[in-house]
Amino acid sequence: MKLLLLNYYVGIHQEVMELLDRVGVRTYTRWTEVEGRISGREPRENSHVWPGTNSAMMVVVEEHVADELVREIEALNSGTQDEGVDVYVLAVERALTAA
């Protein structure tokens, strides 16, 4: 299993959700407003100097789904000039779910 951490501008949340739906991700955790800088972009610190915020999301999926999700994110990033998604992929040693 893999854990993917996504960081993106809140303004593209709908595109990110559509991407998750396409690859079949149904379970995630989202932090709606986080401050910081996505690679190559201006900071978003929710201030008058650096307005706006980002969102962060965590998903845990099987390896083949993680690979597909990363490919979809690459496609999304290549199709946009202004906003994109940073994604970090980590190995999951063990997971226990509520279901």
Protein backbone atom coordinates (compact mmCIF):
# COMPACT_ATOMS: atom_id res chain seq x y z
CA MET A 1 0.00 0.00 0.00
CA LYS A 2 1.00 3.60 -0.56
CA LEU A 3 0.21 6.85 1.20
CA LEU A 4 -0.05 9.86 -1.07
CA LEU A 5 0.16 13.37 0.33
CA LEU A 6 -1.28 15.99 -2.02
CA ASN A 7 -0.86 19.74 -1.71
CA TYR A 8 -2.76 22.09 -4.04
CA TYR A 9 -4.40 25.52 -4.30
CA VAL A 10 -7.95 25.44 -2.93
CA GLY A 11 -9.23 26.85 -6.23
CA ILE A 12 -8.61 23.55 -8.03
CA HIS A 13 -10.29 21.34 -5.42
CA GLN A 14 -13.05 20.29 -7.82
CA GLU A 15 -10.48 19.12 -10.40
CA VAL A 16 -8.66 17.12 -7.72
CA MET A 17 -11.91 15.48 -6.60
CA GLU A 18 -12.79 14.57 -10.20
CA LEU A 19 -9.32 13.05 -10.57
CA LEU A 20 -9.81 10.93 -7.43
CA ASP A 21 -13.20 9.76 -8.73
CA ARG A 22 -11.65 8.74 -12.08
CA VAL A 23 -9.12 6.46 -10.42
CA GLY A 24 -11.61 5.09 -7.87
CA VAL A 25 -10.36 6.71 -4.67
CA ARG A 26 -13.28 6.88 -2.24
CA THR A 27 -11.51 7.38 1.09
CA TYR A 28 -9.34 10.38 1.90
CA THR A 29 -8.53 12.91 4.60
CA ARG A 30 -8.44 16.60 3.64
CA TRP A 31 -7.11 19.62 5.46
CA THR A 32 -9.11 22.42 3.84
CA GLU A 33 -6.82 25.35 4.56
CA VAL A 34 -3.08 25.05 4.92
CA GLU A 35 -0.48 27.71 4.32
CA GLY A 36 2.68 27.28 2.30
CA ARG A 37 4.19 27.24 -1.14
CA ILE A 38 3.53 24.63 -3.81
CA SER A 39 6.56 23.93 -6.01
CA GLY A 40 7.28 26.82 -8.34
CA ARG A 41 4.30 28.88 -7.19
CA GLU A 42 3.79 31.95 -5.04
CA PRO A 43 3.27 31.41 -1.31
CA ARG A 44 -0.29 31.18 0.00
CA GLU A 45 -0.22 32.40 3.57
CA ASN A 46 -3.75 33.81 3.94
CA SER A 47 -2.38 37.34 4.39
CA HIS A 48 -2.62 40.64 2.53
CA VAL A 49 0.90 40.05 1.18
CA TRP A 50 0.41 36.40 0.18
CA PRO A 51 -3.37 35.85 -0.11
CA GLY A 52 -5.12 32.53 -0.41
CA THR A 53 -4.55 29.08 1.03
CA ASN A 54 -3.80 25.58 -0.15
CA SER A 55 -5.46 22.31 0.72
CA ALA A 56 -3.68 19.14 1.74
CA MET A 57 -5.03 15.65 1.26
CA MET A 58 -3.95 12.19 2.32
CA VAL A 59 -5.03 8.98 0.59
CA VAL A 60 -3.97 5.40 1.23
CA VAL A 61 -4.37 3.09 -1.76
CA GLU A 62 -2.99 -0.04 -3.36
CA GLU A 63 0.22 0.44 -5.33
CA HIS A 64 -1.41 0.16 -8.78
CA VAL A 65 -3.96 2.85 -7.82
CA ALA A 66 -1.15 5.07 -6.52
CA ASP A 67 0.66 4.72 -9.85
CA GLU A 68 -2.49 5.65 -11.77
CA LEU A 69 -3.16 8.59 -9.47
CA VAL A 70 0.37 9.93 -9.96
CA ARG A 71 -0.05 9.66 -13.75
CA GLU A 72 -3.34 11.59 -13.54
CA ILE A 73 -1.67 14.28 -11.42
CA GLU A 74 1.18 14.54 -13.95
CA ALA A 75 -1.40 15.07 -16.70
CA LEU A 76 -3.22 17.70 -14.65
CA ASN A 77 0.05 19.50 -13.90
CA SER A 78 1.15 19.49 -17.53
CA GLY A 79 -2.19 20.97 -18.60
CA THR A 80 -2.07 24.00 -16.33
CA GLN A 81 0.28 26.95 -16.16
CA ASP A 82 -0.87 28.61 -12.96
CA GLU A 83 -1.82 25.89 -10.50
CA GLY A 84 -0.87 22.30 -9.92
CA VAL A 85 -0.60 19.54 -7.38
CA ASP A 86 2.46 18.47 -5.43
CA VAL A 87 2.27 14.79 -4.53
CA TYR A 88 4.52 12.72 -2.29
CA VAL A 89 4.32 8.92 -2.24
CA LEU A 90 5.30 6.93 0.85
CA ALA A 91 5.20 3.25 1.69
CA VAL A 92 2.59 2.08 4.19
CA GLU A 93 3.82 -0.71 6.42
CA ARG A 94 0.45 -1.45 7.95
CA ALA A 95 -3.08 -0.05 7.89
CA LEU A 96 -6.14 -0.70 10.02
CA THR A 97 -9.45 0.65 8.74
CA ALA A 98 -12.79 1.18 10.46
CA ALA A 99 -14.61 -1.11 8.02
